[in-house]
N, C-alpha and C. Protein backbone atom coordinates (compact mmCIF):
# COMPACT_ATOMS: atom_id res chain seq x y z
N MET A 1 0.86 -1.22 -0.01
CA MET A 1 0.08 0.05 0.01
C MET A 1 0.86 1.29 0.06
N ARG A 2 0.33 2.27 -0.56
CA ARG A 2 1.09 3.53 -0.63
C ARG A 2 0.96 4.28 0.81
N ASP A 3 1.81 5.28 1.06
CA ASP A 3 1.70 5.96 2.24
C ASP A 3 0.32 6.65 2.41
N ASN A 4 -0.15 7.17 1.34
CA ASN A 4 -1.41 7.98 1.52
C ASN A 4 -2.54 6.95 1.93
N ASP A 5 -2.54 5.79 1.40
CA ASP A 5 -3.41 4.81 1.98
C ASP A 5 -3.35 4.50 3.41
N LEU A 6 -2.03 4.38 3.82
CA LEU A 6 -1.85 4.09 5.19
C LEU A 6 -2.40 5.21 6.21
N ILE A 7 -2.27 6.49 5.66
CA ILE A 7 -2.69 7.58 6.44
C ILE A 7 -4.24 7.47 6.61
N PHE A 8 -4.99 7.13 5.55
CA PHE A 8 -6.44 6.91 5.72
C PHE A 8 -6.79 5.84 6.69
N PHE A 9 -6.06 4.77 6.71
CA PHE A 9 -6.35 3.65 7.50
C PHE A 9 -5.62 3.69 8.96
N ARG A 10 -5.19 4.91 9.34
CA ARG A 10 -4.44 4.99 10.66
C ARG A 10 -5.57 4.75 11.72
N PRO A 11 -6.75 5.33 11.77
CA PRO A 11 -7.63 5.01 12.89
C PRO A 11 -8.11 3.56 12.69
N MET A 12 -8.02 2.93 13.86
CA MET A 12 -8.47 1.53 13.96
C MET A 12 -9.94 1.30 13.50
N TRP A 13 -10.84 2.21 13.77
CA TRP A 13 -12.21 2.05 13.49
C TRP A 13 -12.42 1.91 11.98
N ARG A 14 -11.53 2.56 11.17
CA ARG A 14 -11.72 2.52 9.70
C ARG A 14 -11.35 1.15 9.26
N ARG A 15 -10.16 0.60 9.75
CA ARG A 15 -9.75 -0.70 9.38
C ARG A 15 -10.68 -1.72 9.84
N VAL A 16 -11.38 -1.60 10.90
CA VAL A 16 -12.38 -2.60 11.31
C VAL A 16 -13.62 -2.43 10.43
N ALA A 17 -14.02 -1.31 10.21
CA ALA A 17 -15.24 -1.00 9.34
C ALA A 17 -15.03 -1.61 7.98
N VAL A 18 -13.98 -1.33 7.27
CA VAL A 18 -13.69 -1.92 5.99
C VAL A 18 -13.61 -3.45 6.04
N THR A 19 -12.98 -4.03 6.96
CA THR A 19 -12.93 -5.44 7.08
C THR A 19 -14.33 -6.08 7.28
N LEU A 20 -15.07 -5.49 8.17
CA LEU A 20 -16.42 -5.97 8.48
C LEU A 20 -17.28 -5.86 7.18
N PHE A 21 -17.18 -4.77 6.49
CA PHE A 21 -17.89 -4.62 5.27
C PHE A 21 -17.58 -5.81 4.22
N CYS A 22 -16.33 -6.14 4.17
CA CYS A 22 -15.90 -7.23 3.29
C CYS A 22 -16.38 -8.55 3.75
N VAL A 23 -16.36 -8.77 5.14
CA VAL A 23 -16.92 -9.99 5.60
C VAL A 23 -18.43 -10.10 5.27
N ALA A 24 -19.22 -8.99 5.45
CA ALA A 24 -20.62 -8.96 5.21
C ALA A 24 -20.83 -9.24 3.65
N TRP A 25 -20.09 -8.61 2.91
CA TRP A 25 -20.20 -8.84 1.39
C TRP A 25 -20.04 -10.27 1.06
N ALA A 26 -18.94 -10.95 1.63
CA ALA A 26 -18.67 -12.34 1.38
C ALA A 26 -19.89 -13.26 1.89
N ALA A 27 -20.37 -12.91 3.03
CA ALA A 27 -21.42 -13.68 3.65
C ALA A 27 -22.68 -13.53 2.69
N VAL A 28 -23.04 -12.45 2.23
CA VAL A 28 -24.15 -12.26 1.38
C VAL A 28 -23.97 -13.08 0.00
N GLU A 29 -22.67 -12.97 -0.49
CA GLU A 29 -22.53 -13.79 -1.74
C GLU A 29 -22.61 -15.23 -1.52
N TRP A 30 -22.05 -15.73 -0.46
CA TRP A 30 -22.18 -17.20 -0.21
C TRP A 30 -23.60 -17.54 0.02
N LEU A 31 -24.26 -16.75 0.84
CA LEU A 31 -25.67 -17.14 1.27
C LEU A 31 -26.68 -17.05 0.10
N THR A 32 -26.43 -16.29 -0.97
CA THR A 32 -27.25 -16.12 -2.05
C THR A 32 -26.88 -17.16 -3.15
N GLY A 33 -26.00 -18.02 -2.92
CA GLY A 33 -25.50 -19.04 -3.77
C GLY A 33 -24.73 -18.52 -5.07
N GLN A 34 -23.76 -17.62 -4.75
CA GLN A 34 -22.97 -17.13 -5.68
C GLN A 34 -21.47 -17.45 -5.46
N PRO A 35 -21.06 -18.64 -5.68
CA PRO A 35 -19.71 -19.10 -5.23
C PRO A 35 -18.63 -18.35 -5.85
N PHE A 36 -18.73 -18.00 -7.05
CA PHE A 36 -17.57 -17.23 -7.74
C PHE A 36 -17.38 -15.83 -7.07
N TRP A 37 -18.42 -15.12 -6.72
CA TRP A 37 -18.28 -13.75 -6.07
C TRP A 37 -18.01 -14.07 -4.65
N GLY A 38 -18.46 -15.15 -4.09
CA GLY A 38 -18.18 -15.45 -2.72
C GLY A 38 -16.59 -15.73 -2.55
N ILE A 39 -15.97 -16.36 -3.58
CA ILE A 39 -14.49 -16.53 -3.46
C ILE A 39 -13.75 -15.21 -3.55
N ILE A 40 -14.23 -14.32 -4.58
CA ILE A 40 -13.66 -13.03 -4.66
C ILE A 40 -13.77 -12.27 -3.38
N ALA A 41 -14.95 -12.18 -2.81
CA ALA A 41 -15.18 -11.44 -1.68
C ALA A 41 -14.41 -11.91 -0.37
N SER A 42 -14.28 -13.29 -0.51
CA SER A 42 -13.51 -13.88 0.76
C SER A 42 -12.02 -13.57 0.54
N GLY A 43 -11.48 -13.52 -0.78
CA GLY A 43 -10.15 -13.11 -0.95
C GLY A 43 -9.87 -11.70 -0.62
N VAL A 44 -10.84 -10.81 -0.92
CA VAL A 44 -10.69 -9.42 -0.53
C VAL A 44 -10.71 -9.25 1.01
N THR A 45 -11.55 -10.05 1.72
CA THR A 45 -11.51 -9.97 3.17
C THR A 45 -10.24 -10.56 3.71
N ALA A 46 -9.64 -11.61 3.09
CA ALA A 46 -8.44 -12.07 3.69
C ALA A 46 -7.27 -11.12 3.45
N TYR A 47 -7.34 -10.38 2.26
CA TYR A 47 -6.32 -9.31 1.99
C TYR A 47 -6.42 -8.27 3.04
N CYS A 48 -7.74 -7.84 3.32
CA CYS A 48 -7.88 -6.78 4.39
C CYS A 48 -7.33 -7.23 5.68
N VAL A 49 -7.53 -8.44 6.18
CA VAL A 49 -6.97 -8.85 7.45
C VAL A 49 -5.46 -8.89 7.34
N TRP A 50 -4.88 -9.39 6.33
CA TRP A 50 -3.49 -9.42 6.23
C TRP A 50 -2.85 -8.10 6.20
N VAL A 51 -3.34 -7.19 5.31
CA VAL A 51 -2.69 -5.83 5.20
C VAL A 51 -3.12 -4.88 6.34
N LEU A 52 -4.33 -4.95 6.79
CA LEU A 52 -4.80 -3.90 7.70
C LEU A 52 -4.58 -4.21 9.13
N PHE A 53 -4.29 -5.59 9.39
CA PHE A 53 -4.11 -5.96 10.81
C PHE A 53 -2.79 -6.73 11.06
N TYR A 54 -2.60 -7.68 10.25
CA TYR A 54 -1.31 -8.43 10.52
C TYR A 54 -0.05 -7.72 10.06
N ASN A 55 0.07 -7.20 9.05
CA ASN A 55 1.19 -6.44 8.52
C ASN A 55 1.17 -4.88 8.59
N TYR A 56 0.19 -4.43 9.34
CA TYR A 56 -0.05 -2.97 9.48
C TYR A 56 1.02 -2.35 10.28
N LYS A 57 1.72 -1.38 9.88
CA LYS A 57 2.68 -0.57 10.65
C LYS A 57 2.24 0.88 10.61
N ASP A 58 1.98 1.41 11.73
CA ASP A 58 1.48 2.86 11.74
C ASP A 58 2.58 3.80 11.23
N PRO A 59 2.29 4.62 10.05
CA PRO A 59 3.40 5.40 9.66
C PRO A 59 3.85 6.45 10.61
N GLU A 60 2.92 6.92 11.54
CA GLU A 60 3.27 7.87 12.54
C GLU A 60 4.26 7.28 13.56
N ALA A 61 4.10 6.01 13.92
CA ALA A 61 4.92 5.34 14.86
C ALA A 61 6.35 5.11 14.16
N GLU A 62 6.33 4.86 13.00
CA GLU A 62 7.61 4.68 12.29
C GLU A 62 8.43 5.95 12.22
N ASN A 63 7.67 7.12 12.07
CA ASN A 63 8.41 8.44 11.93
C ASN A 63 8.99 8.78 13.32
N THR A 64 8.25 8.50 14.32
CA THR A 64 8.82 8.82 15.63
C THR A 64 9.92 8.02 16.18
N SER A 65 10.03 6.74 15.67
CA SER A 65 11.13 5.94 16.02
C SER A 65 12.42 6.17 15.35
N ASP A 66 12.34 6.97 14.33
CA ASP A 66 13.61 7.30 13.50
C ASP A 66 14.34 8.52 14.22
N SER A 67 13.67 9.24 15.05
CA SER A 67 14.22 10.37 15.63
C SER A 67 15.23 10.04 16.76
């Protein structure tokens, strides 16, 4: 992700909201019998979890550690 994207996702509530939206989207696709879109939405959800929680490094915290 670019630095501008990371600035947008700095507040935890935004990361949680985007991830929950993707979970809901995947659930709707699976429950309505759309496996192709269910797989796509599940992949997007997994990407959100990976990037926004597992590998997330706060750019503000990185800037203060360099000083």
